[in-house]
Every structure is written in C-alpha cells, then in structure tokens.
Amino acid sequence: MSIFDKVKEMFGGTAEKLKDIPEQGGMKDKADEMRGQAEDTATGGIDQVSDSAKEKTGGRFDEQIDQGSDTAKGAADKIDGQEG
C-alpha cells in the first residue's frame, strides 16, 4: 500500500461526513449572533456620530447629516444579510 492509498483511506468519506452536520447549531448560530451584534454596534456608532455632527454644526446641516446617517445605516443593515 502506497502513501497515497493511506492518505485516501484516512480522508475517505469526508465529504459525506460533512453533509451530515446540521446547518443549525454550533458555529453557524454563533456567527449569525456575532453579525447581529456587529450590525447593532455599527448602527449605534452611526447614531453617536450623527448626534455629534448635528451638535457641532449647530443644526445647520441636520438634513444632510440625516441623509448620510440613513445611507450608512442601510449599509450596516446588510452586515447580517437580513433586512431589519
């Protein structure tokens, strides 16, 4: 038996074993949770920056700041791949 045959034997059926792993549970759920947290953190940061910018400009550019904030929040909403 060659070394290649031994390696094939060691890894044989790996693809089938991976198919048996359920999609829900374990690392997938943890990754989804972390993406949700990242989205929440990003949205909170956008709000803080927006409020600070409004304060610094004395309300002169509130409409433009709100437009930029909405655009940034739309991008942050795509972090977890789900709307809302």
Protein backbone atom coordinates (compact mmCIF):
# COMPACT_ATOMS: atom_id res chain seq x y z
CA MET A 1 0.00 0.00 0.00
CA SER A 2 1.45 3.36 -1.06
CA ILE A 3 1.41 6.55 1.00
CA PHE A 4 -1.25 7.93 -1.34
CA ASP A 5 -3.51 4.98 -0.65
CA LYS A 6 -3.10 5.53 3.08
CA VAL A 7 -3.99 9.20 2.75
CA LYS A 8 -7.05 8.36 0.65
CA GLU A 9 -8.09 5.86 3.29
CA MET A 10 -7.65 8.42 6.07
CA PHE A 11 -9.75 11.06 4.33
CA GLY A 12 -12.17 8.80 2.55
CA GLY A 13 -15.81 9.73 3.02
CA THR A 14 -15.04 13.16 4.44
CA ALA A 15 -17.44 14.92 2.07
CA GLU A 16 -20.26 12.61 3.12
CA LYS A 17 -19.48 13.19 6.80
CA LEU A 18 -19.63 16.96 6.31
CA LYS A 19 -23.07 16.67 4.72
CA ASP A 20 -24.33 15.06 7.93
CA ILE A 21 -23.51 18.14 10.01
CA PRO A 22 -26.73 20.07 10.61
CA GLU A 23 -26.84 23.64 9.37
CA GLN A 24 -28.34 24.91 12.60
CA GLY A 25 -26.37 24.81 15.81
CA GLY A 26 -22.78 25.25 16.75
CA MET A 27 -20.63 27.73 14.89
CA LYS A 28 -23.27 28.86 12.39
CA ASP A 29 -25.55 30.16 15.14
CA LYS A 30 -22.63 31.87 16.85
CA ALA A 31 -21.58 33.55 13.59
CA ASP A 32 -25.14 34.77 12.98
CA GLU A 33 -25.29 36.15 16.51
CA MET A 34 -21.98 37.96 16.08
CA ARG A 35 -23.12 39.52 12.78
CA GLY A 36 -26.26 40.78 14.52
CA GLN A 37 -24.15 42.30 17.29
CA ALA A 38 -21.84 43.92 14.74
CA GLU A 39 -24.84 45.46 12.99
CA ASP A 40 -26.19 46.81 16.30
CA THR A 41 -22.79 48.24 17.20
CA ALA A 42 -22.41 49.90 13.79
CA THR A 43 -25.89 51.42 13.99
CA GLY A 44 -25.21 52.74 17.48
CA GLY A 45 -21.96 54.29 16.30
CA ILE A 46 -23.71 55.95 13.37
CA ASP A 47 -26.25 57.47 15.74
CA GLN A 48 -23.50 58.80 18.01
CA VAL A 49 -21.57 60.35 15.15
CA SER A 50 -24.75 61.83 13.68
CA ASP A 51 -25.73 63.42 17.00
CA SER A 52 -22.23 64.78 17.50
CA ALA A 53 -22.14 66.26 13.98
CA LYS A 54 -25.51 67.92 14.50
CA GLU A 55 -24.31 69.42 17.77
CA LYS A 56 -21.05 70.69 16.27
CA THR A 57 -22.78 72.31 13.29
CA GLY A 58 -25.48 73.90 15.40
CA GLY A 59 -28.27 72.29 13.42
CA ARG A 60 -27.31 73.97 10.13
CA PHE A 61 -26.81 70.69 8.29
CA ASP A 62 -29.26 68.38 10.04
CA GLU A 63 -30.97 67.32 6.81
CA GLN A 64 -27.68 66.34 5.13
CA ILE A 65 -26.48 64.57 8.26
CA ASP A 66 -29.73 62.60 8.43
CA GLN A 67 -29.37 61.59 4.77
CA GLY A 68 -25.81 60.39 5.36
CA SER A 69 -26.87 58.59 8.51
CA ASP A 70 -29.69 56.80 6.69
CA THR A 71 -27.31 55.72 3.92
CA ALA A 72 -24.78 54.43 6.46
CA LYS A 73 -27.49 52.56 8.37
CA GLY A 74 -28.65 50.97 5.11
CA ALA A 75 -25.12 49.68 4.57
CA ALA A 76 -24.86 48.47 8.17
CA ASP A 77 -28.19 46.65 7.74
CA LYS A 78 -26.51 44.40 5.17
CA ILE A 79 -23.94 43.05 7.67
CA ASP A 80 -26.08 40.11 8.73
CA GLY A 81 -27.59 39.58 5.29
CA GLN A 82 -31.13 40.20 6.52
CA GLU A 83 -33.43 43.21 6.34
CA GLY A 84 -34.26 44.92 9.61
